[in-house]
C-alpha atoms as a PDB file:
ATOM      1  CA  MET A   1     121.517  95.385 122.104  1.00  0.00           C
ATOM      2  CA  HIS A   2     121.789  94.561 118.439  1.00  0.00           C
ATOM      3  CA  GLU A   3     119.352  92.854 116.129  1.00  0.00           C
ATOM      4  CA  THR A   4     120.650  89.814 114.272  1.00  0.00           C
ATOM      5  CA  THR A   5     123.723  91.106 112.459  1.00  0.00           C
ATOM      6  CA  PHE A   6     126.252  89.088 110.557  1.00  0.00           C
ATOM      7  CA  HIS A   7     128.627  91.914 109.737  1.00  0.00           C
ATOM      8  CA  LYS A   8     131.957  91.918 111.514  1.00  0.00           C
ATOM      9  CA  PRO A   9     131.663  94.091 114.635  1.00  0.00           C
ATOM     10  CA  SER A  10     133.835  97.161 114.924  1.00  0.00           C
ATOM     11  CA  PHE A  11     136.949  96.947 117.086  1.00  0.00           C
ATOM     12  CA  THR A  12     138.136 100.060 118.914  1.00  0.00           C
ATOM     13  CA  ILE A  13     141.887 100.327 119.552  1.00  0.00           C
ATOM     14  CA  VAL A  14     142.933 101.490 123.018  1.00  0.00           C
ATOM     15  CA  ASN A  15     145.563 104.231 123.200  1.00  0.00           C
ATOM     16  CA  LEU A  16     147.867 102.891 125.908  1.00  0.00           C
ATOM     17  CA  ASP A  17     149.554 106.283 126.299  1.00  0.00           C
ATOM     18  CA  THR A  18     146.354 107.907 127.573  1.00  0.00           C
ATOM     19  CA  TRP A  19     144.465 104.894 128.961  1.00  0.00           C
ATOM     20  CA  PRO A  20     143.889 105.307 132.735  1.00  0.00           C
ATOM     21  CA  ARG A  21     144.459 101.576 133.205  1.00  0.00           C
ATOM     22  CA  ARG A  22     147.862 101.547 131.474  1.00  0.00           C
ATOM     23  CA  GLU A  23     149.949 100.761 134.593  1.00  0.00           C
ATOM     24  CA  HIS A  24     147.571  98.094 135.840  1.00  0.00           C
ATOM     25  CA  PHE A  25     147.378  96.457 132.417  1.00  0.00           C
ATOM     26  CA  LEU A  26     151.152  96.331 131.946  1.00  0.00           C
ATOM     27  CA  HIS A  27     151.684  94.994 135.463  1.00  0.00           C
ATOM     28  CA  TYR A  28     149.138  92.172 135.246  1.00  0.00           C
ATOM     29  CA  TYR A  29     149.939  91.361 131.637  1.00  0.00           C
ATOM     30  CA  GLN A  30     153.743  91.562 131.572  1.00  0.00           C
ATOM     31  CA  HIS A  31     155.160  91.481 135.104  1.00  0.00           C
ATOM     32  CA  GLY A  32     152.674  89.412 137.072  1.00  0.00           C
ATOM     33  CA  PRO A  33     150.251  87.882 134.562  1.00  0.00           C
ATOM     34  CA  CYS A  34     147.269  86.307 136.263  1.00  0.00           C
ATOM     35  CA  SER A  35     143.566  85.678 136.075  1.00  0.00           C
ATOM     36  CA  PHE A  36     141.112  85.376 138.941  1.00  0.00           C
ATOM     37  CA  SER A  37     137.703  83.861 139.478  1.00  0.00           C
ATOM     38  CA  MET A  38     134.715  84.579 141.698  1.00  0.00           C
ATOM     39  CA  THR A  39     131.922  82.170 142.587  1.00  0.00           C
ATOM     40  CA  VAL A  40     128.616  83.410 143.991  1.00  0.00           C
ATOM     41  CA  LYS A  41     125.105  82.088 144.554  1.00  0.00           C
ATOM     42  CA  LEU A  42     122.589  83.790 142.295  1.00  0.00           C
ATOM     43  CA  ASP A  43     119.006  83.975 143.500  1.00  0.00           C
ATOM     44  CA  ILE A  44     116.948  82.765 140.528  1.00  0.00           C
ATOM     45  CA  SER A  45     113.689  82.407 142.477  1.00  0.00           C
ATOM     46  CA  HIS A  46     111.880  84.919 140.274  1.00  0.00           C
ATOM     47  CA  LEU A  47     112.788  82.949 137.134  1.00  0.00           C
ATOM     48  CA  LYS A  48     111.743  79.607 138.598  1.00  0.00           C
ATOM     49  CA  ARG A  49     108.459  80.833 140.064  1.00  0.00           C
ATOM     50  CA  ASN A  50     107.491  82.511 136.813  1.00  0.00           C
ATOM     51  CA  HIS A  51     108.595  79.560 134.646  1.00  0.00           C
ATOM     52  CA  ILE A  52     111.199  81.622 132.807  1.00  0.00           C
ATOM     53  CA  PRO A  53     113.908  79.367 131.286  1.00  0.00           C
ATOM     54  CA  VAL A  54     117.046  80.025 133.288  1.00  0.00           C
ATOM     55  CA  GLN A  55     119.879  79.577 130.788  1.00  0.00           C
ATOM     56  CA  PRO A  56     118.539  81.792 127.980  1.00  0.00           C
ATOM     57  CA  ALA A  57     117.534  84.430 130.536  1.00  0.00           C
ATOM     58  CA  LEU A  58     121.071  84.481 131.943  1.00  0.00           C
ATOM     59  CA  LEU A  59     122.583  84.644 128.458  1.00  0.00           C
ATOM     60  CA  PHE A  60     120.328  87.527 127.480  1.00  0.00           C
ATOM     61  CA  ILE A  61     120.976  89.503 130.671  1.00  0.00           C
ATOM     62  CA  LEU A  62     124.737  88.900 130.572  1.00  0.00           C
ATOM     63  CA  ALA A  63     124.941  90.017 126.947  1.00  0.00           C
ATOM     64  CA  ASN A  64     123.134  93.259 127.834  1.00  0.00           C
ATOM     65  CA  LEU A  65     125.414  93.959 130.795  1.00  0.00           C
ATOM     66  CA  ILE A  66     128.633  93.039 128.997  1.00  0.00           C
ATOM     67  CA  ASN A  67     127.757  95.231 126.064  1.00  0.00           C
ATOM     68  CA  LYS A  68     127.483  98.229 128.394  1.00  0.00           C
ATOM     69  CA  ASP A  69     131.019  97.787 129.778  1.00  0.00           C
ATOM     70  CA  SER A  70     134.013  97.893 127.434  1.00  0.00           C
ATOM     71  CA  SER A  71     136.297  96.396 130.116  1.00  0.00           C
ATOM     72  CA  LEU A  72     134.417  93.099 129.603  1.00  0.00           C
ATOM     73  CA  ARG A  73     134.884  93.118 125.819  1.00  0.00           C
ATOM     74  CA  MET A  74     138.646  93.543 125.586  1.00  0.00           C
ATOM     75  CA  ALA A  75     140.909  91.581 123.255  1.00  0.00           C
ATOM     76  CA  PHE A  76     143.916  91.814 120.972  1.00  0.00           C
ATOM     77  CA  ASP A  77     143.348  92.182 117.250  1.00  0.00           C
ATOM     78  CA  LYS A  78     145.354  90.222 114.683  1.00  0.00           C
ATOM     79  CA  SER A  79     148.109  92.832 114.885  1.00  0.00           C
ATOM     80  CA  HIS A  80     148.287  92.375 118.674  1.00  0.00           C
ATOM     81  CA  ARG A  81     146.789  95.786 119.353  1.00  0.00           C
ATOM     82  CA  LEU A  82     144.665  96.071 122.477  1.00  0.00           C
ATOM     83  CA  GLY A  83     141.074  97.166 122.070  1.00  0.00           C
ATOM     84  CA  TYR A  84     137.477  96.152 122.581  1.00  0.00           C
ATOM     85  CA  TYR A  85     134.701  94.750 120.441  1.00  0.00           C
ATOM     86  CA  GLU A  86     131.606  96.775 119.605  1.00  0.00           C
ATOM     87  CA  TYR A  87     129.520  94.011 121.194  1.00  0.00           C
ATOM     88  CA  LEU A  88     129.728  90.349 122.238  1.00  0.00           C
ATOM     89  CA  ILE A  89     127.267  87.510 121.714  1.00  0.00           C
ATOM     90  CA  PRO A  90     126.812  84.408 123.907  1.00  0.00           C
ATOM     91  CA  CYS A  91     128.264  81.005 123.063  1.00  0.00           C
ATOM     92  CA  PHE A  92     126.982  78.186 125.288  1.00  0.00           C
ATOM     93  CA  THR A  93     127.541  74.453 125.750  1.00  0.00           C
ATOM     94  CA  PHE A  94     124.992  71.825 124.704  1.00  0.00           C
ATOM     95  CA  PHE A  95     125.296  68.306 126.153  1.00  0.00           C
ATOM     96  CA  HIS A  96     124.736  65.115 124.131  1.00  0.00           C
ATOM     97  CA  GLU A  97     123.450  62.273 126.295  1.00  0.00           C
ATOM     98  CA  HIS A  98     124.303  59.511 123.811  1.00  0.00           C
ATOM     99  CA  THR A  99     127.964  60.498 123.402  1.00  0.00           C
ATOM    100  CA  GLN A 100     128.448  62.160 126.822  1.00  0.00           C
ATOM    101  CA  THR A 101     130.197  65.038 125.064  1.00  0.00           C
ATOM    102  CA  PHE A 102     129.218  68.639 124.478  1.00  0.00           C
ATOM    103  CA  SER A 103     129.112  71.078 121.590  1.00  0.00           C
ATOM    104  CA  THR A 104     129.148  74.861 121.462  1.00  0.00           C
ATOM    105  CA  ILE A 105     126.273  76.875 120.030  1.00  0.00           C
ATOM    106  CA  TRP A 106     126.204  80.636 119.619  1.00  0.00           C
ATOM    107  CA  THR A 107     123.114  82.812 119.406  1.00  0.00           C
ATOM    108  CA  GLU A 108     122.832  86.321 118.019  1.00  0.00           C
ATOM    109  CA  THR A 109     121.724  88.961 120.486  1.00  0.00           C
ATOM    110  CA  LYS A 110     118.293  90.611 120.215  1.00  0.00           C
ATOM    111  CA  LYS A 111     116.664  93.731 121.628  1.00  0.00           C
ATOM    112  CA  ASP A 112     114.006  91.842 123.599  1.00  0.00           C
ATOM    113  CA  PHE A 113     113.986  88.542 125.462  1.00  0.00           C
ATOM    114  CA  PRO A 114     111.127  86.824 123.554  1.00  0.00           C
ATOM    115  CA  SER A 115     113.010  87.355 120.278  1.00  0.00           C
ATOM    116  CA  PHE A 116     116.243  86.106 121.804  1.00  0.00           C
ATOM    117  CA  LEU A 117     114.504  83.076 123.323  1.00  0.00           C
ATOM    118  CA  HIS A 118     113.027  82.203 119.925  1.00  0.00           C
ATOM    119  CA  GLN A 119     116.464  82.439 118.271  1.00  0.00           C
ATOM    120  CA  TYR A 120     118.058  80.409 121.093  1.00  0.00           C
ATOM    121  CA  ARG A 121     115.517  77.607 120.651  1.00  0.00           C
ATOM    122  CA  GLN A 122     115.900  77.707 116.872  1.00  0.00           C
ATOM    123  CA  ASP A 123     119.677  77.341 117.198  1.00  0.00           C
ATOM    124  CA  ILE A 124     119.289  74.317 119.479  1.00  0.00           C
ATOM    125  CA  LEU A 125     116.750  72.790 117.105  1.00  0.00           C
ATOM    126  CA  SER A 126     118.990  73.381 114.089  1.00  0.00           C
ATOM    127  CA  PHE A 127     122.367  72.490 115.567  1.00  0.00           C
ATOM    128  CA  GLY A 128     121.709  70.432 118.713  1.00  0.00           C
ATOM    129  CA  HIS A 129     122.153  67.196 116.751  1.00  0.00           C
ATOM    130  CA  ASN A 130     125.712  68.101 115.720  1.00  0.00           C
ATOM    131  CA  VAL A 131     128.128  66.262 118.038  1.00  0.00           C
ATOM    132  CA  HIS A 132     131.238  68.107 116.872  1.00  0.00           C
ATOM    133  CA  LEU A 133     132.867  70.461 119.363  1.00  0.00           C
ATOM    134  CA  GLU A 134     131.644  73.396 117.290  1.00  0.00           C
ATOM    135  CA  GLY A 135     127.966  72.556 117.091  1.00  0.00           C
ATOM    136  CA  LYS A 136     126.931  75.713 115.266  1.00  0.00           C
ATOM    137  CA  PRO A 137     129.582  76.406 112.597  1.00  0.00           C
ATOM    138  CA  GLN A 138     131.372  79.655 111.856  1.00  0.00           C
ATOM    139  CA  THR A 139     131.594  80.829 115.441  1.00  0.00           C
ATOM    140  CA  PRO A 140     132.363  84.562 115.295  1.00  0.00           C
ATOM    141  CA  GLU A 141     135.294  86.065 117.137  1.00  0.00           C
ATOM    142  CA  ASN A 142     133.139  88.388 119.267  1.00  0.00           C
ATOM    143  CA  ILE A 143     131.713  85.804 121.688  1.00  0.00           C
ATOM    144  CA  PHE A 144     131.728  85.221 125.421  1.00  0.00           C
ATOM    145  CA  ASN A 145     131.702  81.624 126.679  1.00  0.00           C
ATOM    146  CA  PHE A 146     129.055  80.225 129.019  1.00  0.00           C
ATOM    147  CA  SER A 147     129.197  76.634 130.315  1.00  0.00           C
ATOM    148  CA  THR A 148     126.816  74.620 132.461  1.00  0.00           C
ATOM    149  CA  ILE A 149     127.465  71.807 134.943  1.00  0.00           C
ATOM    150  CA  PRO A 150     123.839  70.874 135.717  1.00  0.00           C
ATOM    151  CA  TRP A 151     124.665  67.623 137.515  1.00  0.00           C
ATOM    152  CA  CYS A 152     126.355  69.130 140.567  1.00  0.00           C
ATOM    153  CA  SER A 153     126.284  72.222 142.748  1.00  0.00           C
ATOM    154  CA  PHE A 154     129.596  73.772 143.686  1.00  0.00           C
ATOM    155  CA  GLU A 155     130.926  76.299 146.161  1.00  0.00           C
ATOM    156  CA  SER A 156     133.871  77.276 143.969  1.00  0.00           C
ATOM    157  CA  PHE A 157     134.907  76.743 140.373  1.00  0.00           C
ATOM    158  CA  GLN A 158     138.181  77.693 138.687  1.00  0.00           C
ATOM    159  CA  LEU A 159     139.563  77.207 135.205  1.00  0.00           C
ATOM    160  CA  HIS A 160     143.298  76.715 134.714  1.00  0.00           C
ATOM    161  CA  LEU A 161     144.402  78.445 131.522  1.00  0.00           C
ATOM    162  CA  PRO A 162     148.214  78.400 131.412  1.00  0.00           C
ATOM    163  CA  LEU A 163     148.326  79.236 127.683  1.00  0.00           C
ATOM    164  CA  ALA A 164     145.625  81.910 127.714  1.00  0.00           C
ATOM    165  CA  LYS A 165     147.749  84.942 128.598  1.00  0.00           C
ATOM    166  CA  ASP A 166     146.157  86.922 125.771  1.00  0.00           C
ATOM    167  CA  TYR A 167     142.527  85.952 126.462  1.00  0.00           C
ATOM    168  CA  PHE A 168     140.692  88.798 128.215  1.00  0.00           C
ATOM    169  CA  ILE A 169     136.969  88.067 127.748  1.00  0.00           C
ATOM    170  CA  PRO A 170     135.143  86.741 130.851  1.00  0.00           C
ATOM    171  CA  ILE A 171     134.235  83.042 131.028  1.00  0.00           C
ATOM    172  CA  PHE A 172     131.070  82.027 132.870  1.00  0.00           C
ATOM    173  CA  THR A 173     130.155  78.673 134.453  1.00  0.00           C
ATOM    174  CA  VAL A 174     126.978  77.710 136.299  1.00  0.00           C
ATOM    175  CA  GLY A 175     126.208  74.611 138.358  1.00  0.00           C
ATOM    176  CA  LYS A 176     123.072  72.817 139.522  1.00  0.00           C
ATOM    177  CA  TYR A 177     120.544  75.044 141.267  1.00  0.00           C
ATOM    178  CA  TYR A 178     119.124  74.074 144.654  1.00  0.00           C
ATOM    179  CA  GLU A 179     116.487  75.215 147.126  1.00  0.00           C
ATOM    180  CA  GLU A 180     117.348  76.898 150.408  1.00  0.00           C
ATOM    181  CA  LYS A 181     114.919  78.722 152.728  1.00  0.00           C
ATOM    182  CA  ASP A 182     112.248  79.085 150.022  1.00  0.00           C
ATOM    183  CA  SER A 183     114.775  80.423 147.517  1.00  0.00           C
ATOM    184  CA  PHE A 184     116.289  78.884 144.408  1.00  0.00           C
ATOM    185  CA  LEU A 185     120.042  79.415 144.333  1.00  0.00           C
ATOM    186  CA  LEU A 186     122.378  78.891 141.375  1.00  0.00           C
ATOM    187  CA  PRO A 187     126.186  78.540 141.630  1.00  0.00           C
ATOM    188  CA  PHE A 188     127.670  81.096 139.251  1.00  0.00           C
ATOM    189  CA  ALA A 189     131.392  81.459 138.518  1.00  0.00           C
ATOM    190  CA  VAL A 190     133.163  84.054 136.418  1.00  0.00           C
ATOM    191  CA  GLN A 191     136.827  84.033 135.421  1.00  0.00           C
ATOM    192  CA  VAL A 192     138.622  87.100 134.089  1.00  0.00           C
ATOM    193  CA  HIS A 193     142.114  88.325 133.262  1.00  0.00           C
ATOM    194  CA  HIS A 194     143.391  90.720 135.906  1.00  0.00           C
ATOM    195  CA  ALA A 195     145.078  92.858 133.237  1.00  0.00           C
ATOM    196  CA  VAL A 196     141.709  94.248 132.143  1.00  0.00           C
ATOM    197  CA  CYS A 197     139.392  93.546 135.099  1.00  0.00           C
ATOM    198  CA  ASP A 198     139.541  94.061 138.833  1.00  0.00           C
ATOM    199  CA  GLY A 199     137.226  92.991 141.620  1.00  0.00           C
ATOM    200  CA  PHE A 200     135.336  96.263 141.082  1.00  0.00           C
ATOM    201  CA  HIS A 201     134.334  95.374 137.519  1.00  0.00           C
ATOM    202  CA  ILE A 202     133.230  91.831 138.331  1.00  0.00           C
ATOM    203  CA  SER A 203     131.405  92.879 141.499  1.00  0.00           C
ATOM    204  CA  ARG A 204     129.481  95.472 139.491  1.00  0.00           C
ATOM    205  CA  LEU A 205     128.600  92.861 136.874  1.00  0.00           C
ATOM    206  CA  ILE A 206     127.424  90.322 139.467  1.00  0.00           C
ATOM    207  CA  ASN A 207     125.436  92.907 141.453  1.00  0.00           C
ATOM    208  CA  ASP A 208     123.748  94.220 138.304  1.00  0.00           C
ATOM    209  CA  LEU A 209     123.037  90.661 137.176  1.00  0.00           C
ATOM    210  CA  GLN A 210     121.397  89.787 140.481  1.00  0.00           C
ATOM    211  CA  GLN A 211     119.363  92.975 140.552  1.00  0.00           C
ATOM    212  CA  THR A 212     118.121  92.288 137.013  1.00  0.00           C
ATOM    213  CA  LEU A 213     117.185  88.731 137.969  1.00  0.00           C
ATOM    214  CA  TYR A 214     115.007  90.040 140.796  1.00  0.00           C
ATOM    215  CA  ASN A 215     112.950  92.095 138.356  1.00  0.00           C
ATOM    216  CA  PHE A 216     113.269  90.223 135.062  1.00  0.00           C
END
């Protein structure tokens, strides 16, 4: 993880001629472009019972896991060259009761959760009053998006992105948590582009996320 850094992150170009995923990428990008989504129930009992705020904990854990896996940080640069960012930072939605709209706020990643939680709360305090779509200005390009639907639980959630053929970074959505058999369960959906991610990559991310939640 990175301390607060405002320099532009490095971007590593992928050599398609030697990339093991070349055939899969070209197939799911050019011949049969598609994305897919998975929805699971995360067990957040440890967070709830220890009074750990759920959203910042998820953002912190996801940032750590994403930044260990280049397949989850892929994008095109301005010259339409495929590559991956050095690291990503979370960008989350913040709801305004009085307008019934939301804004986006991004928070720099930190090495430890207490530091990240402090920065997260400072960002909400500083920018939570801004009702524009971009609540915290100057959103960097190296973000992953995280949205919440805290009013309803869901069994499945899918985004429809017909114009997002070139968007490869995972998108996360969580619903309202609920209790079941002494456990607290949270609907968690992730959507990815099949050109850069398969079920293997997302399953590994979800399994690692759940395992981290058990011991966080």
